[in-house]
Amino acid sequence: MSAGEKAKAEQAKGKLKRATGRAAVDDPMVAEGQAEKSKGDARQAKEKMKDMFKR
């Protein structure tokens, strides 16, 4: 799995966990989901920057 795919997977996992937390009214799960999504966003941004400097 490439780094870009890992970023997409983390984003999707975070979105799912956040939605589940909202449905279950579980604030810690919502926060954890948001943190995972943010981590995926950061990883994706890092990969884009790396690709930009390769060119």
N, C-alpha and C. Protein backbone atom coordinates (compact mmCIF):
# COMPACT_ATOMS: atom_id res chain seq x y z
N MET A 1 0.85 -1.18 0.00
CA MET A 1 0.00 0.00 0.00
C MET A 1 0.90 1.24 0.00
N SER A 2 0.65 2.11 -0.97
CA SER A 2 1.46 3.33 -1.05
C SER A 2 1.04 4.33 0.02
N ALA A 3 1.85 5.35 0.20
CA ALA A 3 1.57 6.36 1.22
C ALA A 3 0.28 7.11 0.89
N GLY A 4 0.03 7.34 -0.39
CA GLY A 4 -1.20 8.02 -0.79
C GLY A 4 -2.43 7.20 -0.45
N GLU A 5 -2.32 5.89 -0.65
CA GLU A 5 -3.43 5.00 -0.31
C GLU A 5 -3.65 4.95 1.20
N LYS A 6 -2.55 4.98 1.95
CA LYS A 6 -2.67 4.99 3.42
C LYS A 6 -3.39 6.24 3.89
N ALA A 7 -3.09 7.38 3.26
CA ALA A 7 -3.73 8.64 3.62
C ALA A 7 -5.23 8.56 3.36
N LYS A 8 -5.60 8.03 2.20
CA LYS A 8 -7.03 7.90 1.85
C LYS A 8 -7.72 6.95 2.83
N ALA A 9 -7.04 5.86 3.19
CA ALA A 9 -7.63 4.90 4.11
C ALA A 9 -7.85 5.52 5.49
N GLU A 10 -6.86 6.30 5.97
CA GLU A 10 -7.00 6.96 7.27
C GLU A 10 -8.14 7.98 7.25
N GLN A 11 -8.26 8.70 6.14
CA GLN A 11 -9.34 9.68 6.02
C GLN A 11 -10.69 8.98 6.07
N ALA A 12 -10.83 7.89 5.32
CA ALA A 12 -12.09 7.16 5.29
C ALA A 12 -12.42 6.56 6.66
N LYS A 13 -11.41 5.99 7.30
CA LYS A 13 -11.60 5.41 8.63
C LYS A 13 -12.03 6.47 9.63
N GLY A 14 -11.40 7.65 9.55
CA GLY A 14 -11.75 8.75 10.44
C GLY A 14 -13.17 9.24 10.21
N LYS A 15 -13.56 9.36 8.94
CA LYS A 15 -14.91 9.81 8.62
C LYS A 15 -15.94 8.82 9.15
N LEU A 16 -15.67 7.53 8.96
CA LEU A 16 -16.59 6.49 9.42
C LEU A 16 -16.72 6.50 10.94
N LYS A 17 -15.59 6.60 11.63
CA LYS A 17 -15.60 6.60 13.09
C LYS A 17 -16.33 7.83 13.63
N ARG A 18 -16.09 8.96 12.97
CA ARG A 18 -16.75 10.21 13.38
C ARG A 18 -18.26 10.12 13.20
N ALA A 19 -18.69 9.58 12.06
CA ALA A 19 -20.13 9.43 11.79
C ALA A 19 -20.77 8.46 12.77
N THR A 20 -20.07 7.38 13.08
CA THR A 20 -20.57 6.41 14.04
C THR A 20 -20.69 7.04 15.42
N GLY A 21 -19.70 7.83 15.79
CA GLY A 21 -19.73 8.51 17.09
C GLY A 21 -20.88 9.50 17.18
N ARG A 22 -21.14 10.19 16.09
CA ARG A 22 -22.27 11.14 16.08
C ARG A 22 -23.60 10.40 16.22
N ALA A 23 -23.73 9.29 15.50
CA ALA A 23 -24.98 8.53 15.55
C ALA A 23 -25.20 7.95 16.94
N ALA A 24 -24.14 7.53 17.59
CA ALA A 24 -24.23 6.92 18.92
C ALA A 24 -24.13 7.96 20.04
N VAL A 25 -23.98 9.22 19.68
CA VAL A 25 -23.79 10.31 20.63
C VAL A 25 -22.64 9.97 21.58
N ASP A 26 -21.52 9.64 20.98
CA ASP A 26 -20.32 9.26 21.72
C ASP A 26 -19.22 10.28 21.39
N ASP A 27 -19.13 11.33 22.22
CA ASP A 27 -18.20 12.42 21.94
C ASP A 27 -16.74 11.99 21.82
N PRO A 28 -16.24 11.09 22.67
CA PRO A 28 -14.84 10.67 22.50
C PRO A 28 -14.60 9.99 21.15
N MET A 29 -15.57 9.22 20.67
CA MET A 29 -15.41 8.56 19.38
C MET A 29 -15.41 9.58 18.25
N VAL A 30 -16.23 10.61 18.38
CA VAL A 30 -16.26 11.68 17.37
C VAL A 30 -14.90 12.36 17.32
N ALA A 31 -14.34 12.67 18.47
CA ALA A 31 -13.04 13.33 18.54
C ALA A 31 -11.94 12.43 17.96
N GLU A 32 -12.00 11.16 18.28
CA GLU A 32 -11.00 10.21 17.77
C GLU A 32 -11.10 10.10 16.25
N GLY A 33 -12.33 10.07 15.75
CA GLY A 33 -12.53 10.02 14.30
C GLY A 33 -11.99 11.26 13.62
N GLN A 34 -12.23 12.42 14.21
CA GLN A 34 -11.72 13.67 13.63
C GLN A 34 -10.20 13.68 13.64
N ALA A 35 -9.61 13.16 14.70
CA ALA A 35 -8.15 13.12 14.79
C ALA A 35 -7.57 12.21 13.70
N GLU A 36 -8.19 11.06 13.46
CA GLU A 36 -7.71 10.16 12.43
C GLU A 36 -7.85 10.79 11.04
N LYS A 37 -8.96 11.47 10.81
CA LYS A 37 -9.16 12.14 9.53
C LYS A 37 -8.10 13.22 9.33
N SER A 38 -7.83 13.98 10.37
CA SER A 38 -6.82 15.03 10.28
C SER A 38 -5.43 14.44 10.01
N LYS A 39 -5.15 13.31 10.62
CA LYS A 39 -3.88 12.63 10.39
C LYS A 39 -3.76 12.20 8.92
N GLY A 40 -4.86 11.70 8.37
CA GLY A 40 -4.87 11.32 6.96
C GLY A 40 -4.70 12.53 6.06
N ASP A 41 -5.35 13.65 6.42
CA ASP A 41 -5.21 14.88 5.64
C ASP A 41 -3.76 15.35 5.64
N ALA A 42 -3.12 15.30 6.79
CA ALA A 42 -1.73 15.72 6.91
C ALA A 42 -0.81 14.82 6.09
N ARG A 43 -1.06 13.54 6.13
CA ARG A 43 -0.24 12.58 5.37
C ARG A 43 -0.40 12.85 3.87
N GLN A 44 -1.63 13.12 3.45
CA GLN A 44 -1.88 13.39 2.04
C GLN A 44 -1.18 14.69 1.61
N ALA A 45 -1.23 15.70 2.44
CA ALA A 45 -0.56 16.97 2.12
C ALA A 45 0.95 16.76 2.01
N LYS A 46 1.50 15.94 2.91
CA LYS A 46 2.93 15.64 2.87
C LYS A 46 3.29 14.95 1.56
N GLU A 47 2.48 14.00 1.14
CA GLU A 47 2.74 13.28 -0.11
C GLU A 47 2.65 14.21 -1.32
N LYS A 48 1.71 15.13 -1.31
CA LYS A 48 1.59 16.08 -2.41
C LYS A 48 2.81 16.97 -2.49
N MET A 49 3.31 17.42 -1.35
CA MET A 49 4.51 18.26 -1.33
C MET A 49 5.71 17.47 -1.84
N LYS A 50 5.82 16.22 -1.44
CA LYS A 50 6.92 15.39 -1.87
C LYS A 50 6.88 15.21 -3.38
N ASP A 51 5.68 14.98 -3.93
CA ASP A 51 5.53 14.82 -5.37
C ASP A 51 5.87 16.11 -6.12
N MET A 52 5.52 17.24 -5.53
CA MET A 52 5.79 18.52 -6.16
C MET A 52 7.30 18.76 -6.28
N PHE A 53 8.07 18.35 -5.30
CA PHE A 53 9.51 18.57 -5.33
C PHE A 53 10.24 17.53 -6.19
N LYS A 54 9.59 16.42 -6.47
CA LYS A 54 10.20 15.40 -7.35
C LYS A 54 10.24 15.89 -8.79
N ARG A 55 9.31 16.74 -9.17
CA ARG A 55 9.22 17.20 -10.56
C ARG A 55 10.24 18.17 -10.88
